[in-house]
PDB file of N, CA and C in Angstrom:
ATOM      1  N   MET A   1       1.026  -1.335   0.047  1.00  0.00           N
ATOM      2  CA  MET A   1       0.101  -0.468   0.068  1.00  0.00           C
ATOM      3  C   MET A   1       0.935   0.964   0.151  1.00  0.00           C
ATOM      4  N   SER A   2       0.721   2.053  -0.764  1.00  0.00           N
ATOM      5  CA  SER A   2       1.384   3.300  -0.765  1.00  0.00           C
ATOM      6  C   SER A   2       0.830   4.587   0.402  1.00  0.00           C
ATOM      7  N   LYS A   3       1.604   5.265   0.593  1.00  0.00           N
ATOM      8  CA  LYS A   3       1.807   6.404   1.446  1.00  0.00           C
ATOM      9  C   LYS A   3       1.417   7.540   1.018  1.00  0.00           C
ATOM     10  N   PRO A   4      -0.022   8.194   1.666  1.00  0.00           N
ATOM     11  CA  PRO A   4      -0.707   8.730   1.347  1.00  0.00           C
ATOM     12  C   PRO A   4       0.264  10.164   1.033  1.00  0.00           C
ATOM     13  N   ARG A   5      -0.020  11.011  -0.517  1.00  0.00           N
ATOM     14  CA  ARG A   5       1.121  12.319  -0.702  1.00  0.00           C
ATOM     15  C   ARG A   5      -0.043  13.485   0.482  1.00  0.00           C
ATOM     16  N   VAL A   6       0.974  14.460   0.623  1.00  0.00           N
ATOM     17  CA  VAL A   6       0.634  15.744   1.286  1.00  0.00           C
ATOM     18  C   VAL A   6       1.765  16.567   1.219  1.00  0.00           C
ATOM     19  N   PHE A   7       1.104  17.756   0.554  1.00  0.00           N
ATOM     20  CA  PHE A   7       1.681  18.583  -0.016  1.00  0.00           C
ATOM     21  C   PHE A   7       1.219  19.931   1.638  1.00  0.00           C
ATOM     22  N   VAL A   8       3.178  20.451   1.409  1.00  0.00           N
ATOM     23  CA  VAL A   8       3.384  20.844   2.975  1.00  0.00           C
ATOM     24  C   VAL A   8       3.891  22.533   2.704  1.00  0.00           C
ATOM     25  N   THR A   9       3.004  23.509   2.824  1.00  0.00           N
ATOM     26  CA  THR A   9       3.570  24.739   1.987  1.00  0.00           C
ATOM     27  C   THR A   9       4.613  25.080   2.549  1.00  0.00           C
ATOM     28  N   ARG A  10       4.913  25.485   3.515  1.00  0.00           N
ATOM     29  CA  ARG A  10       6.249  25.762   4.417  1.00  0.00           C
ATOM     30  C   ARG A  10       6.620  24.517   5.589  1.00  0.00           C
ATOM     31  N   ILE A  11       7.599  24.962   5.840  1.00  0.00           N
ATOM     32  CA  ILE A  11       8.631  24.524   6.471  1.00  0.00           C
ATOM     33  C   ILE A  11       8.045  24.801   7.726  1.00  0.00           C
ATOM     34  N   ILE A  12       7.952  24.001   8.758  1.00  0.00           N
ATOM     35  CA  ILE A  12       7.625  24.107   9.732  1.00  0.00           C
ATOM     36  C   ILE A  12       7.985  23.492  11.037  1.00  0.00           C
ATOM     37  N   PRO A  13       7.678  23.445  12.181  1.00  0.00           N
ATOM     38  CA  PRO A  13       8.983  22.486  13.157  1.00  0.00           C
ATOM     39  C   PRO A  13       9.357  21.565  12.622  1.00  0.00           C
ATOM     40  N   ASP A  14      10.524  20.590  12.978  1.00  0.00           N
ATOM     41  CA  ASP A  14      10.959  19.308  12.881  1.00  0.00           C
ATOM     42  C   ASP A  14       9.901  18.199  12.848  1.00  0.00           C
ATOM     43  N   GLN A  15       9.740  18.565  14.802  1.00  0.00           N
ATOM     44  CA  GLN A  15       8.713  17.336  14.702  1.00  0.00           C
ATOM     45  C   GLN A  15       7.833  17.615  14.193  1.00  0.00           C
ATOM     46  N   GLY A  16       6.767  18.135  13.672  1.00  0.00           N
ATOM     47  CA  GLY A  16       5.758  18.225  12.736  1.00  0.00           C
ATOM     48  C   GLY A  16       6.368  17.320  11.208  1.00  0.00           C
ATOM     49  N   LEU A  17       6.982  17.457  10.526  1.00  0.00           N
ATOM     50  CA  LEU A  17       7.431  17.108   9.579  1.00  0.00           C
ATOM     51  C   LEU A  17       7.966  15.897   9.594  1.00  0.00           C
ATOM     52  N   ASN A  18       8.676  15.542  10.776  1.00  0.00           N
ATOM     53  CA  ASN A  18       8.896  14.571  11.283  1.00  0.00           C
ATOM     54  C   ASN A  18       7.944  13.218  11.173  1.00  0.00           C
ATOM     55  N   LEU A  19       6.619  13.477  11.749  1.00  0.00           N
ATOM     56  CA  LEU A  19       5.956  12.791  11.956  1.00  0.00           C
ATOM     57  C   LEU A  19       5.320  12.686  10.707  1.00  0.00           C
ATOM     58  N   ILE A  20       5.269  14.004   9.763  1.00  0.00           N
ATOM     59  CA  ILE A  20       4.326  13.832   8.468  1.00  0.00           C
ATOM     60  C   ILE A  20       5.146  12.453   7.407  1.00  0.00           C
ATOM     61  N   GLN A  21       6.631  13.238   7.427  1.00  0.00           N
ATOM     62  CA  GLN A  21       7.446  12.107   6.370  1.00  0.00           C
ATOM     63  C   GLN A  21       7.674  10.815   6.503  1.00  0.00           C
ATOM     64  N   ALA A  22       7.324  10.740   8.124  1.00  0.00           N
ATOM     65  CA  ALA A  22       7.334   9.252   8.501  1.00  0.00           C
ATOM     66  C   ALA A  22       6.288   8.768   8.039  1.00  0.00           C
ATOM     67  N   HIS A  23       5.187   8.628   7.238  1.00  0.00           N
ATOM     68  CA  HIS A  23       4.210   8.302   7.376  1.00  0.00           C
ATOM     69  C   HIS A  23       3.564   8.600   6.232  1.00  0.00           C
ATOM     70  N   CYS A  24       3.852   9.649   5.151  1.00  0.00           N
ATOM     71  CA  CYS A  24       3.548   9.977   4.439  1.00  0.00           C
ATOM     72  C   CYS A  24       4.508  10.197   2.747  1.00  0.00           C
ATOM     73  N   ASP A  25       4.355  10.609   1.477  1.00  0.00           N
ATOM     74  CA  ASP A  25       5.365  10.704   1.104  1.00  0.00           C
ATOM     75  C   ASP A  25       5.003  12.465   0.703  1.00  0.00           C
ATOM     76  N   MET A  26       5.555  13.055   1.551  1.00  0.00           N
ATOM     77  CA  MET A  26       5.501  14.653   1.708  1.00  0.00           C
ATOM     78  C   MET A  26       6.487  15.339   0.663  1.00  0.00           C
ATOM     79  N   ASP A  27       5.522  16.752   0.268  1.00  0.00           N
ATOM     80  CA  ASP A  27       6.401  17.026  -0.764  1.00  0.00           C
ATOM     81  C   ASP A  27       6.026  18.805  -0.121  1.00  0.00           C
ATOM     82  N   LEU A  28       7.543  18.978   0.371  1.00  0.00           N
ATOM     83  CA  LEU A  28       7.607  20.209   1.173  1.00  0.00           C
ATOM     84  C   LEU A  28       8.205  21.513   0.135  1.00  0.00           C
ATOM     85  N   TRP A  29       7.481  22.644   0.316  1.00  0.00           N
ATOM     86  CA  TRP A  29       7.795  23.736  -0.530  1.00  0.00           C
ATOM     87  C   TRP A  29       8.669  24.622   0.851  1.00  0.00           C
ATOM     88  N   THR A  30      10.263  24.644   0.085  1.00  0.00           N
ATOM     89  CA  THR A  30      11.121  25.068   0.945  1.00  0.00           C
ATOM     90  C   THR A  30      11.344  26.313   0.678  1.00  0.00           C
ATOM     91  N   ASP A  31      11.498  27.077   0.382  1.00  0.00           N
ATOM     92  CA  ASP A  31      11.819  28.324  -0.345  1.00  0.00           C
ATOM     93  C   ASP A  31      10.659  29.550   1.369  1.00  0.00           C
ATOM     94  N   GLU A  32      11.844  30.350   0.980  1.00  0.00           N
ATOM     95  CA  GLU A  32      10.421  31.616   2.856  1.00  0.00           C
ATOM     96  C   GLU A  32       9.768  32.151   2.380  1.00  0.00           C
ATOM     97  N   LEU A  33       9.417  32.424   0.522  1.00  0.00           N
ATOM     98  CA  LEU A  33       8.114  33.192   0.670  1.00  0.00           C
ATOM     99  C   LEU A  33       7.050  31.443   0.491  1.00  0.00           C
ATOM    100  N   PRO A  34       5.985  32.140   0.625  1.00  0.00           N
ATOM    101  CA  PRO A  34       4.844  30.984   0.072  1.00  0.00           C
ATOM    102  C   PRO A  34       4.861  30.924  -1.195  1.00  0.00           C
ATOM    103  N   PRO A  35       4.428  29.626  -1.583  1.00  0.00           N
ATOM    104  CA  PRO A  35       4.357  29.507  -2.959  1.00  0.00           C
ATOM    105  C   PRO A  35       3.173  30.341  -3.627  1.00  0.00           C
ATOM    106  N   SER A  36       3.119  30.590  -5.062  1.00  0.00           N
ATOM    107  CA  SER A  36       2.732  31.625  -5.814  1.00  0.00           C
ATOM    108  C   SER A  36       0.956  30.804  -5.940  1.00  0.00           C
ATOM    109  N   ARG A  37       0.315  31.277  -6.499  1.00  0.00           N
ATOM    110  CA  ARG A  37      -1.306  31.134  -6.162  1.00  0.00           C
ATOM    111  C   ARG A  37      -1.282  29.757  -7.260  1.00  0.00           C
ATOM    112  N   GLN A  38      -0.249  30.019  -8.311  1.00  0.00           N
ATOM    113  CA  GLN A  38      -0.340  28.957  -9.204  1.00  0.00           C
ATOM    114  C   GLN A  38       0.715  27.802  -8.862  1.00  0.00           C
ATOM    115  N   ILE A  39       1.819  28.362  -8.576  1.00  0.00           N
ATOM    116  CA  ILE A  39       2.654  26.794  -7.830  1.00  0.00           C
ATOM    117  C   ILE A  39       1.454  26.235  -7.078  1.00  0.00           C
ATOM    118  N   LEU A  40       0.999  26.358  -6.428  1.00  0.00           N
ATOM    119  CA  LEU A  40       0.261  26.408  -5.274  1.00  0.00           C
ATOM    120  C   LEU A  40      -1.060  24.871  -6.231  1.00  0.00           C
ATOM    121  N   LEU A  41      -2.225  25.686  -6.976  1.00  0.00           N
ATOM    122  CA  LEU A  41      -2.733  24.697  -7.834  1.00  0.00           C
ATOM    123  C   LEU A  41      -1.547  23.280  -8.305  1.00  0.00           C
ATOM    124  N   ASP A  42      -1.203  23.622  -9.060  1.00  0.00           N
ATOM    125  CA  ASP A  42       0.219  22.899  -9.587  1.00  0.00           C
ATOM    126  C   ASP A  42       0.584  22.047  -8.484  1.00  0.00           C
ATOM    127  N   ARG A  43       0.679  21.981  -7.852  1.00  0.00           N
ATOM    128  CA  ARG A  43       1.714  21.734  -6.717  1.00  0.00           C
ATOM    129  C   ARG A  43       0.482  20.352  -5.457  1.00  0.00           C
ATOM    130  N   VAL A  44      -1.112  20.828  -5.715  1.00  0.00           N
ATOM    131  CA  VAL A  44      -2.032  20.288  -4.458  1.00  0.00           C
ATOM    132  C   VAL A  44      -2.252  19.206  -6.080  1.00  0.00           C
ATOM    133  N   ARG A  45      -1.934  19.328  -7.248  1.00  0.00           N
ATOM    134  CA  ARG A  45      -2.641  17.812  -7.869  1.00  0.00           C
ATOM    135  C   ARG A  45      -2.467  16.353  -7.130  1.00  0.00           C
ATOM    136  N   GLY A  46      -2.993  16.582  -7.043  1.00  0.00           N
ATOM    137  CA  GLY A  46      -2.930  14.419  -6.582  1.00  0.00           C
ATOM    138  C   GLY A  46      -3.291  13.892  -5.003  1.00  0.00           C
ATOM    139  N   ILE A  47      -3.150  15.313  -4.487  1.00  0.00           N
ATOM    140  CA  ILE A  47      -2.670  14.688  -2.696  1.00  0.00           C
ATOM    141  C   ILE A  47      -3.900  14.492  -2.375  1.00  0.00           C
ATOM    142  N   ASP A  48      -3.575  13.777  -1.289  1.00  0.00           N
ATOM    143  CA  ASP A  48      -3.884  13.361  -0.348  1.00  0.00           C
ATOM    144  C   ASP A  48      -4.359  13.760   1.123  1.00  0.00           C
ATOM    145  N   GLY A  49      -3.435  14.731   1.222  1.00  0.00           N
ATOM    146  CA  GLY A  49      -3.697  16.363   2.087  1.00  0.00           C
ATOM    147  C   GLY A  49      -2.864  16.850   2.038  1.00  0.00           C
ATOM    148  N   LEU A  50      -3.628  18.111   2.548  1.00  0.00           N
ATOM    149  CA  LEU A  50      -2.667  19.257   2.627  1.00  0.00           C
ATOM    150  C   LEU A  50      -2.429  20.273   4.131  1.00  0.00           C
ATOM    151  N   LEU A  51      -1.539  20.704   4.127  1.00  0.00           N
ATOM    152  CA  LEU A  51      -0.919  21.218   5.351  1.00  0.00           C
ATOM    153  C   LEU A  51      -0.120  22.755   4.897  1.00  0.00           C
ATOM    154  N   CYS A  52      -1.268  23.493   5.051  1.00  0.00           N
ATOM    155  CA  CYS A  52      -0.737  25.416   4.728  1.00  0.00           C
ATOM    156  C   CYS A  52      -0.627  25.868   6.129  1.00  0.00           C
ATOM    157  N   LEU A  53      -0.857  27.429   5.557  1.00  0.00           N
ATOM    158  CA  LEU A  53       0.158  28.611   7.067  1.00  0.00           C
ATOM    159  C   LEU A  53      -1.258  28.955   6.619  1.00  0.00           C
ATOM    160  N   LEU A  54      -1.363  30.516   7.456  1.00  0.00           N
ATOM    161  CA  LEU A  54      -2.269  31.122   7.442  1.00  0.00           C
ATOM    162  C   LEU A  54      -2.177  32.611   5.747  1.00  0.00           C
ATOM    163  N   THR A  55      -1.084  32.006   5.249  1.00  0.00           N
ATOM    164  CA  THR A  55      -0.958  33.102   4.372  1.00  0.00           C
ATOM    165  C   THR A  55      -1.067  32.130   3.078  1.00  0.00           C
ATOM    166  N   ASP A  56      -1.762  30.747   3.029  1.00  0.00           N
ATOM    167  CA  ASP A  56      -2.406  30.192   1.512  1.00  0.00           C
ATOM    168  C   ASP A  56      -3.720  30.324   1.699  1.00  0.00           C
ATOM    169  N   ARG A  57      -4.273  30.952   0.647  1.00  0.00           N
ATOM    170  CA  ARG A  57      -5.307  30.954   0.112  1.00  0.00           C
ATOM    171  C   ARG A  57      -5.949  29.740   0.202  1.00  0.00           C
ATOM    172  N   ILE A  58      -6.934  29.030   0.716  1.00  0.00           N
ATOM    173  CA  ILE A  58      -7.211  27.392   0.716  1.00  0.00           C
ATOM    174  C   ILE A  58      -8.970  27.521   0.208  1.00  0.00           C
ATOM    175  N   ASP A  59      -9.354  27.567  -0.974  1.00  0.00           N
ATOM    176  CA  ASP A  59     -10.645  27.993  -1.495  1.00  0.00           C
ATOM    177  C   ASP A  59     -11.485  26.723  -2.359  1.00  0.00           C
ATOM    178  N   GLY A  60     -12.222  27.140  -3.020  1.00  0.00           N
ATOM    179  CA  GLY A  60     -12.540  25.499  -3.499  1.00  0.00           C
ATOM    180  C   GLY A  60     -12.311  25.395  -5.262  1.00  0.00           C
ATOM    181  N   GLU A  61     -11.357  26.338  -5.829  1.00  0.00           N
ATOM    182  CA  GLU A  61     -10.295  25.767  -6.931  1.00  0.00           C
ATOM    183  C   GLU A  61      -9.196  25.159  -6.046  1.00  0.00           C
ATOM    184  N   VAL A  62      -8.893  25.536  -5.571  1.00  0.00           N
ATOM    185  CA  VAL A  62      -7.606  24.595  -5.100  1.00  0.00           C
ATOM    186  C   VAL A  62      -7.759  23.287  -4.274  1.00  0.00           C
ATOM    187  N   LEU A  63      -8.941  23.410  -3.744  1.00  0.00           N
ATOM    188  CA  LEU A  63      -9.797  21.956  -2.667  1.00  0.00           C
ATOM    189  C   LEU A  63      -9.886  21.624  -5.115  1.00  0.00           C
ATOM    190  N   ASP A  64     -10.787  21.436  -5.860  1.00  0.00           N
ATOM    191  CA  ASP A  64     -10.919  21.146  -7.109  1.00  0.00           C
ATOM    192  C   ASP A  64      -9.593  21.179  -7.753  1.00  0.00           C
ATOM    193  N   ALA A  65      -8.683  21.454  -7.754  1.00  0.00           N
ATOM    194  CA  ALA A  65      -7.473  20.739  -8.183  1.00  0.00           C
ATOM    195  C   ALA A  65      -6.508  20.128  -8.043  1.00  0.00           C
ATOM    196  N   ALA A  66      -6.644  20.188  -5.996  1.00  0.00           N
ATOM    197  CA  ALA A  66      -6.759  18.994  -5.592  1.00  0.00           C
ATOM    198  C   ALA A  66      -7.123  17.342  -6.204  1.00  0.00           C
ATOM    199  N   GLY A  67      -8.423  17.470  -6.408  1.00  0.00           N
ATOM    200  CA  GLY A  67      -8.916  16.468  -6.917  1.00  0.00           C
ATOM    201  C   GLY A  67      -9.881  15.727  -5.394  1.00  0.00           C
ATOM    202  N   PRO A  68     -10.709  14.830  -6.155  1.00  0.00           N
ATOM    203  CA  PRO A  68     -12.033  14.213  -5.399  1.00  0.00           C
ATOM    204  C   PRO A  68     -11.252  13.512  -3.967  1.00  0.00           C
ATOM    205  N   GLN A  69      -9.632  12.607  -4.210  1.00  0.00           N
ATOM    206  CA  GLN A  69      -9.071  12.283  -3.358  1.00  0.00           C
ATOM    207  C   GLN A  69      -8.652  12.704  -1.941  1.00  0.00           C
ATOM    208  N   LEU A  70      -8.415  14.118  -1.777  1.00  0.00           N
ATOM    209  CA  LEU A  70      -8.654  15.229  -0.571  1.00  0.00           C
ATOM    210  C   LEU A  70      -9.113  14.684   0.410  1.00  0.00           C
ATOM    211  N   LYS A  71      -8.446  13.905   1.368  1.00  0.00           N
ATOM    212  CA  LYS A  71      -8.642  13.635   2.715  1.00  0.00           C
ATOM    213  C   LYS A  71      -9.185  14.535   3.501  1.00  0.00           C
ATOM    214  N   VAL A  72      -7.934  15.942   3.682  1.00  0.00           N
ATOM    215  CA  VAL A  72      -7.831  16.335   4.703  1.00  0.00           C
ATOM    216  C   VAL A  72      -6.833  17.611   4.444  1.00  0.00           C
ATOM    217  N   VAL A  73      -7.430  18.892   5.257  1.00  0.00           N
ATOM    218  CA  VAL A  73      -6.520  20.282   4.771  1.00  0.00           C
ATOM    219  C   VAL A  73      -6.254  20.613   6.504  1.00  0.00           C
ATOM    220  N   SER A  74      -4.965  21.114   6.548  1.00  0.00           N
ATOM    221  CA  SER A  74      -4.486  21.665   8.259  1.00  0.00           C
ATOM    222  C   SER A  74      -3.945  22.959   7.930  1.00  0.00           C
ATOM    223  N   ASN A  75      -4.428  22.952   9.193  1.00  0.00           N
ATOM    224  CA  ASN A  75      -4.071  25.219   9.145  1.00  0.00           C
ATOM    225  C   ASN A  75      -2.588  24.885  10.214  1.00  0.00           C
ATOM    226  N   HIS A  76      -1.748  24.856   9.618  1.00  0.00           N
ATOM    227  CA  HIS A  76      -0.237  25.408  10.863  1.00  0.00           C
ATOM    228  C   HIS A  76      -1.147  26.791  11.582  1.00  0.00           C
ATOM    229  N   ALA A  77      -1.738  26.546  11.867  1.00  0.00           N
ATOM    230  CA  ALA A  77      -2.252  28.373  12.791  1.00  0.00           C
ATOM    231  C   ALA A  77      -2.854  28.094  13.809  1.00  0.00           C
ATOM    232  N   VAL A  78      -4.035  28.912  14.293  1.00  0.00           N
ATOM    233  CA  VAL A  78      -4.123  29.304  15.413  1.00  0.00           C
ATOM    234  C   VAL A  78      -6.026  29.049  14.546  1.00  0.00           C
ATOM    235  N   GLY A  79      -6.062  29.934  13.898  1.00  0.00           N
ATOM    236  CA  GLY A  79      -7.552  30.579  13.018  1.00  0.00           C
ATOM    237  C   GLY A  79      -7.347  29.645  11.821  1.00  0.00           C
ATOM    238  N   TYR A  80      -8.351  29.858  11.098  1.00  0.00           N
ATOM    239  CA  TYR A  80      -8.351  29.170   9.079  1.00  0.00           C
ATOM    240  C   TYR A  80      -9.163  29.989   8.808  1.00  0.00           C
ATOM    241  N   ASP A  81      -8.968  31.156   8.825  1.00  0.00           N
ATOM    242  CA  ASP A  81      -9.808  32.628   8.292  1.00  0.00           C
ATOM    243  C   ASP A  81      -9.305  32.165   6.486  1.00  0.00           C
ATOM    244  N   ASN A  82      -8.027  31.655   6.298  1.00  0.00           N
ATOM    245  CA  ASN A  82      -7.634  31.470   5.094  1.00  0.00           C
ATOM    246  C   ASN A  82      -8.582  30.408   4.116  1.00  0.00           C
ATOM    247  N   ILE A  83      -9.295  29.663   5.402  1.00  0.00           N
ATOM    248  CA  ILE A  83      -9.771  27.762   4.327  1.00  0.00           C
ATOM    249  C   ILE A  83     -11.371  28.400   4.411  1.00  0.00           C
ATOM    250  N   ASP A  84     -11.623  28.080   3.204  1.00  0.00           N
ATOM    251  CA  ASP A  84     -13.059  28.477   2.772  1.00  0.00           C
ATOM    252  C   ASP A  84     -13.614  26.997   3.434  1.00  0.00           C
ATOM    253  N   VAL A  85     -13.863  27.158   4.768  1.00  0.00           N
ATOM    254  CA  VAL A  85     -14.499  25.528   5.833  1.00  0.00           C
ATOM    255  C   VAL A  85     -15.924  25.252   4.882  1.00  0.00           C
ATOM    256  N   PRO A  86     -16.775  26.009   4.335  1.00  0.00           N
ATOM    257  CA  PRO A  86     -18.161  25.692   4.186  1.00  0.00           C
ATOM    258  C   PRO A  86     -17.894  24.709   2.630  1.00  0.00           C
ATOM    259  N   VAL A  87     -17.318  25.160   2.104  1.00  0.00           N
ATOM    260  CA  VAL A  87     -17.050  24.481   0.386  1.00  0.00           C
ATOM    261  C   VAL A  87     -15.789  23.537   1.274  1.00  0.00           C
ATOM    262  N   ALA A  88     -15.151  23.177   1.808  1.00  0.00           N
ATOM    263  CA  ALA A  88     -14.203  22.153   2.035  1.00  0.00           C
ATOM    264  C   ALA A  88     -14.929  21.129   3.077  1.00  0.00           C
ATOM    265  N   THR A  89     -16.193  21.231   3.621  1.00  0.00           N
ATOM    266  CA  THR A  89     -17.385  20.408   4.092  1.00  0.00           C
ATOM    267  C   THR A  89     -18.186  20.297   3.009  1.00  0.00           C
ATOM    268  N   ALA A  90     -18.768  20.996   2.209  1.00  0.00           N
ATOM    269  CA  ALA A  90     -19.661  20.168   1.291  1.00  0.00           C
ATOM    270  C   ALA A  90     -18.851  19.217   0.028  1.00  0.00           C
ATOM    271  N   ARG A  91     -17.422  19.372   0.427  1.00  0.00           N
ATOM    272  CA  ARG A  91     -16.863  18.166  -0.244  1.00  0.00           C
ATOM    273  C   ARG A  91     -16.543  16.880   0.407  1.00  0.00           C
ATOM    274  N   GLY A  92     -16.793  17.027   1.750  1.00  0.00           N
ATOM    275  CA  GLY A  92     -16.102  15.877   2.999  1.00  0.00           C
ATOM    276  C   GLY A  92     -15.183  16.401   3.258  1.00  0.00           C
ATOM    277  N   VAL A  93     -14.930  17.366   3.482  1.00  0.00           N
ATOM    278  CA  VAL A  93     -13.079  17.155   3.522  1.00  0.00           C
ATOM    279  C   VAL A  93     -12.735  18.190   5.045  1.00  0.00           C
ATOM    280  N   PRO A  94     -12.082  17.145   5.984  1.00  0.00           N
ATOM    281  CA  PRO A  94     -11.961  17.741   6.935  1.00  0.00           C
ATOM    282  C   PRO A  94     -10.963  19.038   6.915  1.00  0.00           C
ATOM    283  N   VAL A  95     -11.263  20.439   8.134  1.00  0.00           N
ATOM    284  CA  VAL A  95     -10.236  21.196   7.775  1.00  0.00           C
ATOM    285  C   VAL A  95      -9.760  21.378   9.429  1.00  0.00           C
ATOM    286  N   GLY A  96      -8.162  20.862   9.855  1.00  0.00           N
ATOM    287  CA  GLY A  96      -8.016  21.159  11.005  1.00  0.00           C
ATOM    288  C   GLY A  96      -7.261  22.245  11.165  1.00  0.00           C
ATOM    289  N   ASN A  97      -6.711  22.880  11.987  1.00  0.00           N
ATOM    290  CA  ASN A  97      -5.950  23.893  12.539  1.00  0.00           C
ATOM    291  C   ASN A  97      -4.552  23.559  13.754  1.00  0.00           C
ATOM    292  N   THR A  98      -4.352  24.856  14.792  1.00  0.00           N
ATOM    293  CA  THR A  98      -3.423  24.092  15.384  1.00  0.00           C
ATOM    294  C   THR A  98      -3.824  25.142  16.911  1.00  0.00           C
ATOM    295  N   PRO A  99      -4.689  25.226  17.401  1.00  0.00           N
ATOM    296  CA  PRO A  99      -4.994  26.337  18.522  1.00  0.00           C
ATOM    297  C   PRO A  99      -4.317  26.443  19.499  1.00  0.00           C
ATOM    298  N   GLY A 100      -3.202  25.252  19.775  1.00  0.00           N
ATOM    299  CA  GLY A 100      -2.435  25.601  21.250  1.00  0.00           C
ATOM    300  C   GLY A 100      -0.701  26.282  20.684  1.00  0.00           C
ATOM    301  N   ILE A 101      -0.500  26.459  19.167  1.00  0.00           N
ATOM    302  CA  ILE A 101       0.495  26.635  18.885  1.00  0.00           C
ATOM    303  C   ILE A 101       1.489  27.584  19.199  1.00  0.00           C
ATOM    304  N   LEU A 102       0.805  28.905  19.693  1.00  0.00           N
ATOM    305  CA  LEU A 102       1.477  29.689  19.943  1.00  0.00           C
ATOM    306  C   LEU A 102       1.232  30.696  21.619  1.00  0.00           C
TER     307      LEU A 102
END
């Protein structure tokens, strides 16, 4: 069985990256600046999970680009204003955040 494919939009603390890497096929955006909209749309194609930050706008276009196999979107942030939660919910994609991170 193959590992789930996960796109991580930014470097996060090693503890989190190590967990993802141990259980998933991780694609990590390593630039200091966030990926451009087009890069985000390209890199999410075919993923099973997305770990993003507040600077990444996750809307219907991104969810559509990811595809119907997308299982989860997680925000490495206290909030989730950058994610269109109703659109994700309508697609059956749970959204998580990290409220204790600050």
